[in-house]
């Protein structure tokens, strides 16, 4: 076979698909107004609240330990009241060991455990730095594309 030749792989149909039946899913309860809650949490699910050599620190703050406390609080709320999919996304994600970092958008429980200043520091420290300035060449191309789109949109609206 030559270096530049291409080979078409055979198409394979998937043998199984994951189907989620929200109507009959025991982990979701739909309230009468269409709000989904999660309240069927495994009894033995728990998060160990202990200091480890792998803990993440920011200055003198043990972020891992604080997050573990937050996970356990979220777990208690899920068991006692249920978690609303639309409003408790931070808590739901924490049960999967995901710390959602959104600047100035934290649950009250997160703020009471971490404090707003520390949450903002965590966000600044661990979120990737984004380039603020555009390359002048790219900026020119983007401006032209926007102008063309606006012109075409105006022409379509008047026709």
N, C-alpha and C. Protein backbone atom coordinates (compact mmCIF):
# COMPACT_ATOMS: atom_id res chain seq x y z
N UNK A 1 0.85 -1.17 0.00
CA UNK A 1 0.00 0.00 0.00
C UNK A 1 0.89 1.23 0.00
N UNK A 2 0.60 2.20 -0.85
CA UNK A 2 1.44 3.39 -0.92
C UNK A 2 1.16 4.31 0.27
N UNK A 3 2.07 5.23 0.45
CA UNK A 3 2.00 6.12 1.60
C UNK A 3 0.78 7.03 1.57
N UNK A 4 0.32 7.44 0.39
CA UNK A 4 -0.77 8.39 0.27
C UNK A 4 -2.12 7.75 -0.01
N UNK A 5 -2.19 6.44 -0.06
CA UNK A 5 -3.48 5.83 -0.38
C UNK A 5 -4.41 5.89 0.83
N UNK A 6 -5.69 5.92 0.53
CA UNK A 6 -6.69 5.96 1.61
C UNK A 6 -7.45 4.65 1.64
N UNK A 7 -7.90 4.32 2.80
CA UNK A 7 -8.67 3.09 2.98
C UNK A 7 -9.99 3.46 3.62
N UNK A 8 -11.06 2.98 3.05
CA UNK A 8 -12.37 3.24 3.65
C UNK A 8 -12.69 2.10 4.60
N UNK A 9 -12.95 2.48 5.84
CA UNK A 9 -13.27 1.48 6.85
C UNK A 9 -14.73 1.05 6.70
N UNK A 10 -15.04 -0.20 7.00
CA UNK A 10 -16.43 -0.64 6.89
C UNK A 10 -17.29 0.07 7.92
N UNK A 11 -18.50 0.36 7.54
CA UNK A 11 -19.44 1.00 8.46
C UNK A 11 -20.04 -0.07 9.36
N UNK A 12 -20.05 0.23 10.61
CA UNK A 12 -20.57 -0.72 11.59
C UNK A 12 -21.75 -0.08 12.30
N UNK A 13 -22.84 -0.77 12.30
CA UNK A 13 -24.02 -0.28 13.00
C UNK A 13 -23.84 -0.53 14.49
N UNK A 14 -24.21 0.43 15.32
CA UNK A 14 -24.08 0.20 16.76
C UNK A 14 -24.99 -0.94 17.20
N UNK A 15 -24.46 -1.77 18.09
CA UNK A 15 -25.23 -2.93 18.56
C UNK A 15 -26.24 -2.55 19.62
N UNK A 16 -25.96 -1.50 20.34
CA UNK A 16 -26.91 -1.07 21.36
C UNK A 16 -26.86 0.44 21.47
N UNK A 17 -27.91 0.98 21.97
CA UNK A 17 -27.99 2.42 22.17
C UNK A 17 -28.44 2.67 23.59
N UNK A 18 -28.00 3.78 24.13
CA UNK A 18 -28.42 4.15 25.47
C UNK A 18 -29.68 4.99 25.34
N UNK A 19 -30.74 4.50 25.89
CA UNK A 19 -32.00 5.23 25.87
C UNK A 19 -32.35 5.62 27.29
N UNK A 20 -32.72 6.85 27.48
CA UNK A 20 -33.11 7.32 28.80
C UNK A 20 -34.61 7.58 28.78
N UNK A 21 -35.31 6.84 29.60
CA UNK A 21 -36.75 7.01 29.71
C UNK A 21 -37.02 7.87 30.94
N UNK A 22 -37.16 9.17 30.72
CA UNK A 22 -37.35 10.09 31.83
C UNK A 22 -38.65 9.79 32.56
N UNK A 23 -39.67 9.32 31.85
CA UNK A 23 -40.95 9.05 32.49
C UNK A 23 -40.85 7.93 33.52
N UNK A 24 -40.00 6.93 33.28
CA UNK A 24 -39.89 5.79 34.17
C UNK A 24 -38.53 5.69 34.86
N UNK A 25 -37.79 6.77 34.91
CA UNK A 25 -36.46 6.76 35.53
C UNK A 25 -36.61 7.01 37.02
N UNK A 26 -36.14 6.09 37.88
CA UNK A 26 -36.32 6.25 39.32
C UNK A 26 -35.49 7.38 39.92
N UNK A 27 -34.51 7.91 39.17
CA UNK A 27 -33.68 8.98 39.70
C UNK A 27 -34.29 10.35 39.49
N UNK A 28 -35.30 10.45 38.66
CA UNK A 28 -35.94 11.73 38.38
C UNK A 28 -37.40 11.67 38.80
N UNK A 29 -37.83 12.71 39.47
CA UNK A 29 -39.24 12.84 39.78
C UNK A 29 -39.69 14.15 39.16
N UNK A 30 -40.69 14.08 38.32
CA UNK A 30 -41.18 15.28 37.67
C UNK A 30 -42.33 15.83 38.48
N UNK A 31 -42.17 17.05 38.96
CA UNK A 31 -43.23 17.71 39.71
C UNK A 31 -44.35 18.06 38.73
N UNK A 32 -45.50 18.43 39.27
CA UNK A 32 -46.66 18.70 38.43
C UNK A 32 -46.42 19.85 37.46
N UNK A 33 -45.52 20.77 37.80
CA UNK A 33 -45.26 21.90 36.92
C UNK A 33 -44.12 21.65 35.95
N UNK A 34 -43.69 20.39 35.81
CA UNK A 34 -42.67 20.03 34.83
C UNK A 34 -41.24 20.19 35.33
N UNK A 35 -41.04 20.38 36.62
CA UNK A 35 -39.69 20.55 37.17
C UNK A 35 -39.14 19.18 37.56
N UNK A 36 -37.91 18.89 37.12
CA UNK A 36 -37.27 17.62 37.45
C UNK A 36 -36.43 17.76 38.71
N UNK A 37 -36.54 16.76 39.60
CA UNK A 37 -35.70 16.74 40.79
C UNK A 37 -35.00 15.40 40.89
N UNK A 38 -33.86 15.43 41.55
CA UNK A 38 -33.11 14.21 41.81
C UNK A 38 -33.17 13.98 43.32
N UNK A 39 -33.72 12.83 43.72
CA UNK A 39 -33.80 12.58 45.15
C UNK A 39 -33.58 11.12 45.53
N UNK A 40 -33.27 10.27 44.60
CA UNK A 40 -33.04 8.86 44.89
C UNK A 40 -31.53 8.61 44.88
N UNK A 41 -30.90 8.89 46.01
CA UNK A 41 -29.45 8.79 46.13
C UNK A 41 -29.12 7.50 46.87
N UNK A 42 -28.09 6.81 46.41
CA UNK A 42 -27.67 5.57 47.07
C UNK A 42 -27.39 5.82 48.55
N UNK A 43 -27.86 4.92 49.40
CA UNK A 43 -27.68 5.07 50.85
C UNK A 43 -26.22 5.07 51.27
N UNK A 44 -25.41 4.26 50.60
CA UNK A 44 -24.01 4.15 51.01
C UNK A 44 -23.09 5.17 50.33
N UNK A 45 -23.64 6.08 49.54
CA UNK A 45 -22.82 7.10 48.90
C UNK A 45 -22.39 8.12 49.95
N UNK A 46 -21.11 8.34 50.05
CA UNK A 46 -20.57 9.34 50.98
C UNK A 46 -19.23 9.82 50.45
N UNK A 47 -18.83 10.97 50.92
CA UNK A 47 -17.54 11.54 50.52
C UNK A 47 -16.68 11.65 51.76
N UNK A 48 -15.50 11.03 51.72
CA UNK A 48 -14.62 11.00 52.88
C UNK A 48 -14.04 12.38 53.14
N UNK A 49 -14.24 12.82 54.35
CA UNK A 49 -13.81 14.14 54.76
C UNK A 49 -12.50 14.02 55.53
N UNK A 50 -11.41 13.76 54.81
CA UNK A 50 -10.12 13.61 55.46
C UNK A 50 -9.03 14.28 54.63
N UNK A 51 -7.99 14.65 55.31
CA UNK A 51 -6.87 15.32 54.65
C UNK A 51 -6.00 14.27 53.97
N UNK A 52 -5.59 14.58 52.74
CA UNK A 52 -4.78 13.66 51.94
C UNK A 52 -3.56 14.41 51.41
N UNK A 53 -2.55 13.66 51.03
CA UNK A 53 -1.36 14.28 50.43
C UNK A 53 -1.65 14.82 49.03
N UNK A 54 -2.76 14.38 48.44
CA UNK A 54 -3.14 14.82 47.10
C UNK A 54 -4.08 16.02 47.11
N UNK A 55 -4.38 16.56 48.29
CA UNK A 55 -5.30 17.69 48.38
C UNK A 55 -4.77 18.90 47.62
N UNK A 56 -5.69 19.68 47.09
CA UNK A 56 -5.35 20.90 46.36
C UNK A 56 -5.47 22.08 47.31
N UNK A 57 -4.42 22.88 47.36
CA UNK A 57 -4.41 24.06 48.23
C UNK A 57 -4.31 25.32 47.38
N UNK A 58 -4.95 26.37 47.84
CA UNK A 58 -4.78 27.70 47.27
C UNK A 58 -4.46 28.60 48.46
N UNK A 59 -3.23 29.09 48.48
CA UNK A 59 -2.69 29.77 49.65
C UNK A 59 -2.79 28.79 50.83
N UNK A 60 -3.41 29.16 51.93
CA UNK A 60 -3.51 28.24 53.06
C UNK A 60 -4.83 27.46 53.07
N UNK A 61 -5.66 27.63 52.05
CA UNK A 61 -6.98 27.00 52.01
C UNK A 61 -6.92 25.63 51.34
N UNK A 62 -7.44 24.63 52.04
CA UNK A 62 -7.51 23.27 51.51
C UNK A 62 -8.80 23.17 50.68
N UNK A 63 -8.67 23.38 49.38
CA UNK A 63 -9.82 23.38 48.47
C UNK A 63 -10.48 22.00 48.44
N UNK A 64 -9.68 20.96 48.47
CA UNK A 64 -10.22 19.59 48.43
C UNK A 64 -11.12 19.32 49.62
N UNK A 65 -10.69 19.72 50.80
CA UNK A 65 -11.47 19.50 52.02
C UNK A 65 -12.75 20.32 52.01
N UNK A 66 -12.65 21.57 51.58
CA UNK A 66 -13.84 22.42 51.47
C UNK A 66 -14.84 21.83 50.47
N UNK A 67 -14.32 21.34 49.35
CA UNK A 67 -15.20 20.76 48.33
C UNK A 67 -15.86 19.48 48.86
N UNK A 68 -15.12 18.69 49.61
CA UNK A 68 -15.68 17.48 50.20
C UNK A 68 -16.83 17.83 51.15
N UNK A 69 -16.65 18.89 51.95
CA UNK A 69 -17.73 19.36 52.82
C UNK A 69 -18.94 19.77 52.00
N UNK A 70 -18.69 20.46 50.90
CA UNK A 70 -19.78 20.89 50.01
C UNK A 70 -20.50 19.68 49.41
N UNK A 71 -19.73 18.67 49.00
CA UNK A 71 -20.33 17.45 48.45
C UNK A 71 -21.24 16.78 49.49
N UNK A 72 -20.78 16.69 50.72
CA UNK A 72 -21.59 16.07 51.77
C UNK A 72 -22.84 16.87 52.07
N UNK A 73 -22.75 18.21 52.04
CA UNK A 73 -23.94 19.04 52.21
C UNK A 73 -24.92 18.80 51.07
N UNK A 74 -24.40 18.74 49.86
CA UNK A 74 -25.26 18.50 48.69
C UNK A 74 -25.93 17.14 48.78
N UNK A 75 -25.20 16.16 49.27
CA UNK A 75 -25.72 14.81 49.44
C UNK A 75 -26.88 14.81 50.43
N UNK A 76 -26.73 15.51 51.54
CA UNK A 76 -27.80 15.60 52.54
C UNK A 76 -29.05 16.26 51.96
N UNK A 77 -28.84 17.35 51.24
CA UNK A 77 -29.98 18.06 50.63
C UNK A 77 -30.67 17.15 49.63
N UNK A 78 -29.90 16.43 48.83
CA UNK A 78 -30.48 15.52 47.83
C UNK A 78 -31.32 14.45 48.51
N UNK A 79 -30.83 13.91 49.61
CA UNK A 79 -31.57 12.85 50.31
C UNK A 79 -32.82 13.39 51.00
N UNK A 80 -32.73 14.57 51.59
CA UNK A 80 -33.85 15.10 52.38
C UNK A 80 -34.89 15.85 51.57
N UNK A 81 -34.45 16.68 50.64
CA UNK A 81 -35.38 17.54 49.90
C UNK A 81 -35.41 17.24 48.41
N UNK A 82 -34.33 16.67 47.89
CA UNK A 82 -34.20 16.50 46.45
C UNK A 82 -33.49 17.71 45.86
N UNK A 83 -32.87 17.51 44.73
CA UNK A 83 -32.17 18.59 44.03
C UNK A 83 -32.90 18.89 42.74
N UNK A 84 -33.19 20.15 42.51
CA UNK A 84 -33.88 20.57 41.29
C UNK A 84 -32.86 20.71 40.17
N UNK A 85 -33.12 20.07 39.06
CA UNK A 85 -32.19 20.06 37.94
C UNK A 85 -31.92 21.48 37.44
N UNK A 86 -32.93 22.31 37.43
CA UNK A 86 -32.76 23.66 36.86
C UNK A 86 -32.06 24.63 37.80
N UNK A 87 -32.17 24.41 39.12
CA UNK A 87 -31.62 25.40 40.05
C UNK A 87 -30.47 24.90 40.92
N UNK A 88 -30.25 23.62 40.99
CA UNK A 88 -29.21 23.07 41.86
C UNK A 88 -28.08 22.41 41.08
N UNK A 89 -27.71 22.99 39.96
CA UNK A 89 -26.72 22.37 39.08
C UNK A 89 -25.36 22.23 39.77
N UNK A 90 -24.95 23.21 40.58
CA UNK A 90 -23.67 23.11 41.30
C UNK A 90 -23.66 21.90 42.22
N UNK A 91 -24.76 21.71 42.95
CA UNK A 91 -24.86 20.59 43.90
C UNK A 91 -24.90 19.25 43.17
N UNK A 92 -25.66 19.19 42.09
CA UNK A 92 -25.77 17.94 41.32
C UNK A 92 -24.41 17.55 40.75
N UNK A 93 -23.70 18.51 40.18
CA UNK A 93 -22.38 18.22 39.62
C UNK A 93 -21.38 17.82 40.71
N UNK A 94 -21.53 18.40 41.90
CA UNK A 94 -20.60 18.05 42.98
C UNK A 94 -20.73 16.58 43.36
N UNK A 95 -21.91 16.00 43.20
CA UNK A 95 -22.09 14.58 43.51
C UNK A 95 -21.32 13.69 42.55
N UNK A 96 -20.90 14.26 41.42
CA UNK A 96 -20.03 13.54 40.48
C UNK A 96 -18.59 14.05 40.57
N UNK A 97 -18.29 14.73 41.67
CA UNK A 97 -16.95 15.28 41.94
C UNK A 97 -16.53 16.33 40.92
N UNK A 98 -17.50 17.15 40.49
CA UNK A 98 -17.22 18.24 39.56
C UNK A 98 -17.49 19.55 40.29
N UNK A 99 -16.47 20.41 40.35
CA UNK A 99 -16.62 21.73 40.94
C UNK A 99 -16.84 22.71 39.80
N UNK A 100 -18.07 23.21 39.69
CA UNK A 100 -18.41 24.15 38.62
C UNK A 100 -17.92 25.53 39.00
N UNK A 101 -17.03 26.07 38.20
CA UNK A 101 -16.47 27.40 38.44
C UNK A 101 -17.06 28.39 37.46
N UNK A 102 -17.96 29.21 37.96
CA UNK A 102 -18.57 30.25 37.16
C UNK A 102 -18.41 31.55 37.94
N UNK A 103 -17.75 32.52 37.37
CA UNK A 103 -17.46 33.76 38.09
C UNK A 103 -18.75 34.40 38.59
N UNK A 104 -18.79 34.71 39.88
CA UNK A 104 -19.91 35.40 40.54
C UNK A 104 -21.24 34.68 40.39
N UNK A 105 -21.21 33.37 40.26
CA UNK A 105 -22.45 32.59 40.18
C UNK A 105 -22.25 31.29 40.96
N UNK A 106 -22.47 31.39 42.27
CA UNK A 106 -22.25 30.25 43.14
C UNK A 106 -23.49 30.06 44.02
N UNK A 107 -23.72 28.82 44.41
CA UNK A 107 -24.86 28.55 45.29
C UNK A 107 -24.57 29.13 46.68
N UNK A 108 -25.64 29.35 47.44
CA UNK A 108 -25.48 29.90 48.79
C UNK A 108 -24.64 28.98 49.66
N UNK A 109 -24.80 27.67 49.50
CA UNK A 109 -24.01 26.72 50.28
C UNK A 109 -22.52 26.85 49.95
N UNK A 110 -22.20 27.04 48.67
CA UNK A 110 -20.80 27.21 48.28
C UNK A 110 -20.23 28.46 48.92
N UNK A 111 -21.00 29.54 48.89
CA UNK A 111 -20.53 30.81 49.45
C UNK A 111 -20.32 30.68 50.95
N UNK A 112 -21.25 29.98 51.65
CA UNK A 112 -21.09 29.85 53.10
C UNK A 112 -19.88 28.99 53.46
N UNK A 113 -19.55 27.99 52.65
CA UNK A 113 -18.40 27.13 52.94
C UNK A 113 -17.07 27.74 52.50
N UNK A 114 -17.02 28.22 51.26
CA UNK A 114 -15.78 28.71 50.68
C UNK A 114 -15.59 30.21 50.93
N UNK A 115 -16.68 30.97 50.83
CA UNK A 115 -16.61 32.43 50.85
C UNK A 115 -16.44 32.94 49.42
N UNK A 116 -17.11 34.02 49.09
CA UNK A 116 -17.04 34.57 47.72
C UNK A 116 -15.63 34.92 47.28
N UNK A 117 -14.82 35.58 48.14
CA UNK A 117 -13.47 35.92 47.68
C UNK A 117 -12.65 34.69 47.30
N UNK A 118 -12.75 33.61 48.10
CA UNK A 118 -11.98 32.40 47.78
C UNK A 118 -12.50 31.75 46.50
N UNK A 119 -13.82 31.73 46.31
CA UNK A 119 -14.37 31.15 45.08
C UNK A 119 -13.87 31.91 43.86
N UNK A 120 -13.81 33.23 43.96
CA UNK A 120 -13.30 34.03 42.84
C UNK A 120 -11.81 33.78 42.62
N UNK A 121 -11.05 33.59 43.71
CA UNK A 121 -9.62 33.27 43.57
C UNK A 121 -9.43 31.91 42.89
N UNK A 122 -10.25 30.94 43.30
CA UNK A 122 -10.17 29.61 42.69
C UNK A 122 -10.44 29.72 41.20
N UNK A 123 -11.47 30.47 40.85
CA UNK A 123 -11.82 30.67 39.44
C UNK A 123 -10.66 31.28 38.68
N UNK A 124 -10.07 32.33 39.22
CA UNK A 124 -8.95 33.00 38.55
C UNK A 124 -7.72 32.10 38.45
N UNK A 125 -7.47 31.30 39.48
CA UNK A 125 -6.27 30.46 39.51
C UNK A 125 -6.37 29.27 38.56
N UNK A 126 -7.53 28.65 38.49
CA UNK A 126 -7.63 27.39 37.76
C UNK A 126 -8.27 27.49 36.38
N UNK A 127 -8.90 28.59 36.08
CA UNK A 127 -9.48 28.75 34.75
C UNK A 127 -8.38 29.21 33.80
N UNK A 128 -8.39 28.71 32.57
CA UNK A 128 -7.35 29.12 31.62
C UNK A 128 -7.46 30.60 31.29
N UNK A 129 -6.32 31.21 31.15
CA UNK A 129 -6.29 32.62 30.76
C UNK A 129 -6.70 32.74 29.30
N UNK A 130 -7.59 33.66 29.03
CA UNK A 130 -8.06 33.83 27.66
C UNK A 130 -7.40 35.06 27.04
N UNK A 131 -7.14 34.94 25.77
CA UNK A 131 -6.53 36.04 25.04
C UNK A 131 -7.58 37.14 24.89
N UNK A 132 -7.24 38.34 25.31
CA UNK A 132 -8.19 39.44 25.28
C UNK A 132 -8.16 40.16 23.93
N UNK A 133 -6.98 40.32 23.37
CA UNK A 133 -6.85 41.04 22.11
C UNK A 133 -6.87 40.07 20.93
N UNK A 134 -7.54 40.51 19.87
CA UNK A 134 -7.55 39.73 18.64
C UNK A 134 -6.36 40.12 17.78
N UNK A 135 -5.89 39.18 17.04
CA UNK A 135 -4.87 39.45 16.04
C UNK A 135 -5.51 40.42 15.04
N UNK A 136 -4.85 41.53 14.70
CA UNK A 136 -5.44 42.52 13.78
C UNK A 136 -5.95 41.90 12.47
N UNK A 137 -5.23 40.92 11.94
CA UNK A 137 -5.64 40.28 10.70
C UNK A 137 -6.96 39.52 10.91
N UNK A 138 -7.06 38.80 12.01
CA UNK A 138 -8.30 38.06 12.32
C UNK A 138 -9.45 39.02 12.57
N UNK A 139 -9.15 40.10 13.29
CA UNK A 139 -10.19 41.08 13.59
C UNK A 139 -10.76 41.66 12.30
N UNK A 140 -9.90 41.94 11.33
CA UNK A 140 -10.34 42.48 10.05
C UNK A 140 -11.26 41.49 9.33
N UNK A 141 -10.88 40.22 9.33
CA UNK A 141 -11.69 39.19 8.68
C UNK A 141 -13.05 39.06 9.36
N UNK A 142 -13.06 39.09 10.69
CA UNK A 142 -14.31 38.97 11.43
C UNK A 142 -15.22 40.16 11.15
N UNK A 143 -14.64 41.37 11.13
CA UNK A 143 -15.44 42.57 10.84
C UNK A 143 -16.08 42.48 9.45
N UNK A 144 -15.31 42.03 8.45
CA UNK A 144 -15.85 41.89 7.09
C UNK A 144 -16.99 40.88 7.07
N UNK A 145 -16.81 39.77 7.76
CA UNK A 145 -17.85 38.74 7.79
C UNK A 145 -19.12 39.28 8.44
N UNK A 146 -18.98 40.04 9.51
CA UNK A 146 -20.15 40.61 10.19
C UNK A 146 -20.84 41.61 9.27
N UNK A 147 -20.06 42.47 8.61
CA UNK A 147 -20.65 43.45 7.70
C UNK A 147 -21.41 42.77 6.56
N UNK A 148 -20.81 41.71 5.98
CA UNK A 148 -21.48 41.00 4.89
C UNK A 148 -22.78 40.36 5.39
N UNK A 149 -22.75 39.78 6.56
CA UNK A 149 -23.93 39.14 7.12
C UNK A 149 -25.02 40.16 7.38
N UNK A 150 -24.64 41.31 7.94
CA UNK A 150 -25.63 42.35 8.22
C UNK A 150 -26.22 42.89 6.91
N UNK A 151 -25.38 43.06 5.89
CA UNK A 151 -25.85 43.57 4.60
C UNK A 151 -26.83 42.58 3.99
N UNK A 152 -26.47 41.28 3.99
CA UNK A 152 -27.36 40.26 3.44
C UNK A 152 -28.66 40.18 4.22
N UNK A 153 -28.58 40.34 5.52
CA UNK A 153 -29.77 40.29 6.36
C UNK A 153 -30.70 41.45 6.04
N UNK A 154 -30.13 42.66 5.84
CA UNK A 154 -30.93 43.83 5.49
C UNK A 154 -31.57 43.66 4.12
N UNK A 155 -30.81 43.11 3.18
CA UNK A 155 -31.34 42.89 1.84
C UNK A 155 -32.48 41.88 1.87
N UNK A 156 -32.33 40.81 2.65
CA UNK A 156 -33.39 39.81 2.76
C UNK A 156 -34.64 40.39 3.40
N UNK A 157 -34.46 41.29 4.35
CA UNK A 157 -35.60 41.87 5.05
C UNK A 157 -36.38 42.82 4.14
N UNK A 158 -35.70 43.47 3.20
CA UNK A 158 -36.39 44.42 2.33
C UNK A 158 -36.97 43.76 1.09
N UNK A 159 -36.58 42.53 0.80
CA UNK A 159 -37.10 41.85 -0.40
C UNK A 159 -38.40 41.15 -0.10
